[in-house]
Amino acid sequence: MTSFYTPTNRIEGSARAYKNALLDIAGAINQYRADEGSLQRLLETLQTASNLGGELKHDVDVYRTNAWRSFLSIIV
């Protein structure tokens, strides 16, 4: 149970990761040059941010649907 986190901790972690991914996008845009390597880096950065945004949305949805509270009431 030492690694048992509440959803709010998970949401905070996901939000932090998403914020960092958005900052990475800004960095990729600032370093963009008209070559294939820069384009690939930008596309990978955008995909990573999209994935992290989806994870954040999922974490928030799970918390809002009260699934966590139902699960917690079963084990307590």
C-alpha atoms as a PDB file:
ATOM      1  CA  MET A   1       0.000   0.000   0.000  1.00  0.00           C
ATOM      2  CA  THR A   2       2.992   2.329   0.022  1.00  0.00           C
ATOM      3  CA  SER A   3       2.448   3.189  -3.643  1.00  0.00           C
ATOM      4  CA  PHE A   4      -1.300   3.683  -3.215  1.00  0.00           C
ATOM      5  CA  TYR A   5      -2.135   7.186  -4.405  1.00  0.00           C
ATOM      6  CA  THR A   6      -5.413   9.037  -4.335  1.00  0.00           C
ATOM      7  CA  PRO A   7      -6.700  10.269  -7.681  1.00  0.00           C
ATOM      8  CA  THR A   8      -5.934  13.864  -6.782  1.00  0.00           C
ATOM      9  CA  ASN A   9      -2.235  12.999  -6.510  1.00  0.00           C
ATOM     10  CA  ARG A  10      -2.436  11.265  -9.871  1.00  0.00           C
ATOM     11  CA  ILE A  11      -4.220  14.270 -11.375  1.00  0.00           C
ATOM     12  CA  GLU A  12      -1.555  16.614 -10.020  1.00  0.00           C
ATOM     13  CA  GLY A  13       1.187  14.432 -11.493  1.00  0.00           C
ATOM     14  CA  SER A  14      -0.567  14.242 -14.858  1.00  0.00           C
ATOM     15  CA  ALA A  15      -1.142  17.992 -14.878  1.00  0.00           C
ATOM     16  CA  ARG A  16       2.523  18.616 -14.109  1.00  0.00           C
ATOM     17  CA  ALA A  17       3.620  16.267 -16.905  1.00  0.00           C
ATOM     18  CA  TYR A  18       1.200  17.918 -19.344  1.00  0.00           C
ATOM     19  CA  LYS A  19       2.456  21.384 -18.407  1.00  0.00           C
ATOM     20  CA  ASN A  20       6.041  20.259 -19.018  1.00  0.00           C
ATOM     21  CA  ALA A  21       4.999  18.806 -22.383  1.00  0.00           C
ATOM     22  CA  LEU A  22       3.484  22.155 -23.354  1.00  0.00           C
ATOM     23  CA  LEU A  23       6.746  23.854 -22.430  1.00  0.00           C
ATOM     24  CA  ASP A  24       8.569  21.288 -24.588  1.00  0.00           C
ATOM     25  CA  ILE A  25       6.309  22.270 -27.499  1.00  0.00           C
ATOM     26  CA  ALA A  26       7.331  25.892 -27.049  1.00  0.00           C
ATOM     27  CA  GLY A  27      10.977  24.821 -27.083  1.00  0.00           C
ATOM     28  CA  ALA A  28      10.508  22.700 -30.204  1.00  0.00           C
ATOM     29  CA  ILE A  29       8.805  25.610 -31.967  1.00  0.00           C
ATOM     30  CA  ASN A  30      11.610  27.986 -30.986  1.00  0.00           C
ATOM     31  CA  GLN A  31      14.241  25.564 -32.323  1.00  0.00           C
ATOM     32  CA  TYR A  32      12.317  24.715 -35.495  1.00  0.00           C
ATOM     33  CA  ARG A  33      14.250  24.980 -38.730  1.00  0.00           C
ATOM     34  CA  ALA A  34      13.046  24.088 -42.203  1.00  0.00           C
ATOM     35  CA  ASP A  35      14.514  20.596 -42.235  1.00  0.00           C
ATOM     36  CA  GLU A  36      13.176  17.112 -41.704  1.00  0.00           C
ATOM     37  CA  GLY A  37      14.862  16.569 -38.332  1.00  0.00           C
ATOM     38  CA  SER A  38      13.252  19.649 -36.817  1.00  0.00           C
ATOM     39  CA  LEU A  39       9.873  18.685 -38.220  1.00  0.00           C
ATOM     40  CA  GLN A  40      10.168  15.177 -36.790  1.00  0.00           C
ATOM     41  CA  ARG A  41      11.120  16.555 -33.362  1.00  0.00           C
ATOM     42  CA  LEU A  42       8.163  18.945 -33.420  1.00  0.00           C
ATOM     43  CA  LEU A  43       5.748  16.176 -34.443  1.00  0.00           C
ATOM     44  CA  GLU A  44       7.023  13.845 -31.715  1.00  0.00           C
ATOM     45  CA  THR A  45       6.714  16.619 -29.137  1.00  0.00           C
ATOM     46  CA  LEU A  46       3.150  17.353 -30.247  1.00  0.00           C
ATOM     47  CA  GLN A  47       2.253  13.655 -30.077  1.00  0.00           C
ATOM     48  CA  THR A  48       3.710  13.337 -26.582  1.00  0.00           C
ATOM     49  CA  ALA A  49       1.733  16.354 -25.379  1.00  0.00           C
ATOM     50  CA  SER A  50      -1.406  14.936 -26.941  1.00  0.00           C
ATOM     51  CA  ASN A  51      -0.903  11.615 -25.170  1.00  0.00           C
ATOM     52  CA  LEU A  52      -0.278  13.310 -21.829  1.00  0.00           C
ATOM     53  CA  GLY A  53      -3.344  15.499 -22.315  1.00  0.00           C
ATOM     54  CA  GLY A  54      -5.413  12.369 -22.894  1.00  0.00           C
ATOM     55  CA  GLU A  55      -4.049  10.790 -19.726  1.00  0.00           C
ATOM     56  CA  LEU A  56      -4.898  13.923 -17.753  1.00  0.00           C
ATOM     57  CA  LYS A  57      -8.430  13.928 -19.154  1.00  0.00           C
ATOM     58  CA  HIS A  58      -8.828  10.264 -18.248  1.00  0.00           C
ATOM     59  CA  ASP A  59      -7.620  10.850 -14.683  1.00  0.00           C
ATOM     60  CA  VAL A  60     -10.042  13.742 -14.237  1.00  0.00           C
ATOM     61  CA  ASP A  61     -12.927  11.729 -15.731  1.00  0.00           C
ATOM     62  CA  VAL A  62     -12.262   8.809 -13.386  1.00  0.00           C
ATOM     63  CA  TYR A  63     -12.296  11.138 -10.398  1.00  0.00           C
ATOM     64  CA  ARG A  64     -15.481  12.895 -11.513  1.00  0.00           C
ATOM     65  CA  THR A  65     -17.440   9.675 -12.092  1.00  0.00           C
ATOM     66  CA  ASN A  66     -17.003   8.733  -8.442  1.00  0.00           C
ATOM     67  CA  ALA A  67     -15.440   5.418  -9.470  1.00  0.00           C
ATOM     68  CA  TRP A  68     -12.643   6.124  -7.021  1.00  0.00           C
ATOM     69  CA  ARG A  69     -15.036   6.766  -4.175  1.00  0.00           C
ATOM     70  CA  SER A  70     -16.954   3.567  -4.968  1.00  0.00           C
ATOM     71  CA  PHE A  71     -13.719   1.587  -5.037  1.00  0.00           C
ATOM     72  CA  LEU A  72     -12.571   3.123  -1.775  1.00  0.00           C
ATOM     73  CA  SER A  73     -15.867   2.273  -0.055  1.00  0.00           C
ATOM     74  CA  ILE A  74     -15.453  -1.383  -1.092  1.00  0.00           C
ATOM     75  CA  ILE A  75     -11.984  -1.787   0.392  1.00  0.00           C
ATOM     76  CA  VAL A  76     -12.627   0.192   3.584  1.00  0.00           C
END
